[in-house]
Protein backbone atom coordinates (compact mmCIF):
# COMPACT_ATOMS: atom_id res chain seq x y z
CA MET A 1 143.25 89.93 96.99
CA ALA A 2 140.28 91.12 99.06
CA THR A 3 140.04 90.37 102.75
CA TYR A 4 136.59 89.23 103.83
CA GLN A 5 135.22 89.88 107.29
CA ARG A 6 133.44 87.15 109.21
CA GLU A 7 130.66 89.45 110.42
CA GLN A 8 129.84 90.66 106.91
CA LEU A 9 129.81 87.12 105.52
CA LEU A 10 127.43 86.03 108.30
CA LEU A 11 125.15 88.98 107.62
CA ASP A 12 125.10 88.31 103.88
CA LEU A 13 124.52 84.57 104.34
CA ARG A 14 121.56 85.05 106.67
CA ASP A 15 119.10 86.18 103.98
CA ASN A 16 120.92 85.53 100.71
CA VAL A 17 122.72 83.02 98.55
CA ILE A 18 126.37 83.94 98.11
CA GLU A 19 128.73 82.76 95.42
CA LEU A 20 132.05 82.04 97.11
CA THR A 21 135.38 81.23 95.59
CA VAL A 22 137.51 79.53 98.21
CA ASN A 23 141.03 78.20 97.89
CA GLN A 24 141.08 74.71 99.37
CA ASN A 25 144.05 72.37 99.07
CA GLY A 26 145.71 74.72 96.60
CA ALA A 27 142.80 74.86 94.15
CA ASP A 28 140.02 77.42 93.82
CA GLN A 29 136.50 76.09 94.31
CA THR A 30 133.38 78.14 93.51
CA ILE A 31 130.23 77.26 95.39
CA ARG A 32 126.87 78.85 96.21
CA VAL A 33 126.11 78.91 99.92
CA THR A 34 123.52 80.28 102.35
CA HIS A 35 122.19 80.36 105.90
CA ALA A 36 118.68 81.38 104.74
CA GLU A 37 116.17 79.04 106.39
CA ALA A 38 113.98 79.12 103.27
CA MET A 39 116.76 77.23 101.44
CA LEU A 40 117.40 74.66 104.18
CA PRO A 41 115.53 71.35 104.12
CA ILE A 42 113.38 70.88 107.20
CA ASN A 43 115.43 67.90 108.37
CA VAL A 44 118.62 69.99 108.67
CA THR A 45 117.20 73.04 110.41
CA GLN A 46 118.15 71.79 113.88
CA ARG A 47 121.63 70.89 112.67
CA PHE A 48 121.93 74.38 111.21
CA ILE A 49 121.38 75.85 114.66
CA THR A 50 124.07 73.55 116.09
CA GLU A 51 126.53 74.46 113.33
CA GLN A 52 125.86 78.16 113.92
CA HIS A 53 126.90 77.70 117.53
CA GLN A 54 130.02 75.75 116.56
CA HIS A 55 131.35 78.32 114.14
CA MET A 56 130.89 81.04 116.75
CA LEU A 57 133.43 79.06 118.80
CA ASN A 58 135.95 78.92 115.94
CA ALA A 59 136.29 82.40 114.49
CA ALA A 60 138.70 81.24 111.76
CA SER A 61 136.20 79.01 109.96
CA MET A 62 132.57 79.00 108.88
CA VAL A 63 129.97 76.53 107.77
CA ALA A 64 127.21 77.22 105.26
CA TRP A 65 124.63 75.23 103.30
CA ALA A 66 125.80 74.51 99.74
CA VAL A 67 122.57 75.03 97.77
CA ASP A 68 123.56 73.03 94.67
CA ALA A 69 125.30 70.15 96.46
CA LYS A 70 122.68 70.14 99.24
CA LYS A 71 125.20 69.59 102.02
CA TRP A 72 127.21 71.56 104.55
CA PHE A 73 130.34 73.32 103.31
CA VAL A 74 133.09 74.21 105.78
CA PHE A 75 135.72 76.78 104.89
CA GLU A 76 138.28 79.04 106.48
CA ILE A 77 137.62 82.75 106.13
CA LYS A 78 141.25 83.42 105.19
CA ASP A 79 140.78 81.17 102.13
CA VAL A 80 137.87 83.19 100.67
CA ARG A 81 139.02 84.74 97.39
CA TYR A 82 135.66 86.13 96.24
CA ALA A 83 132.20 86.56 97.76
CA GLN A 84 129.17 88.02 95.97
CA VAL A 85 125.48 88.05 96.90
CA ILE A 86 123.41 86.55 94.08
CA ASP A 87 120.44 88.87 93.66
CA GLY A 88 117.06 87.24 93.13
CA TYR A 89 118.17 83.73 94.03
CA LEU A 90 115.69 83.32 96.88
């Protein structure tokens, strides 16, 4: 199992959509997430900034915009099983 680093995930999320597989509650969940402002609806941009600040305070977890579900997705970094940048998504 790969170990994913918080800093690399943040860097990848900033300008890309990432496909994540995360183990939550004993089951794997695959979701496409981003921090790219081009993908965020205007009405959540301010919240995005607030969430960015909050996950800097808790280094064990992250929040990202789920592009298909159109809502925030919170996950713990230790639960990430797979992370891949999706080329050409933006």
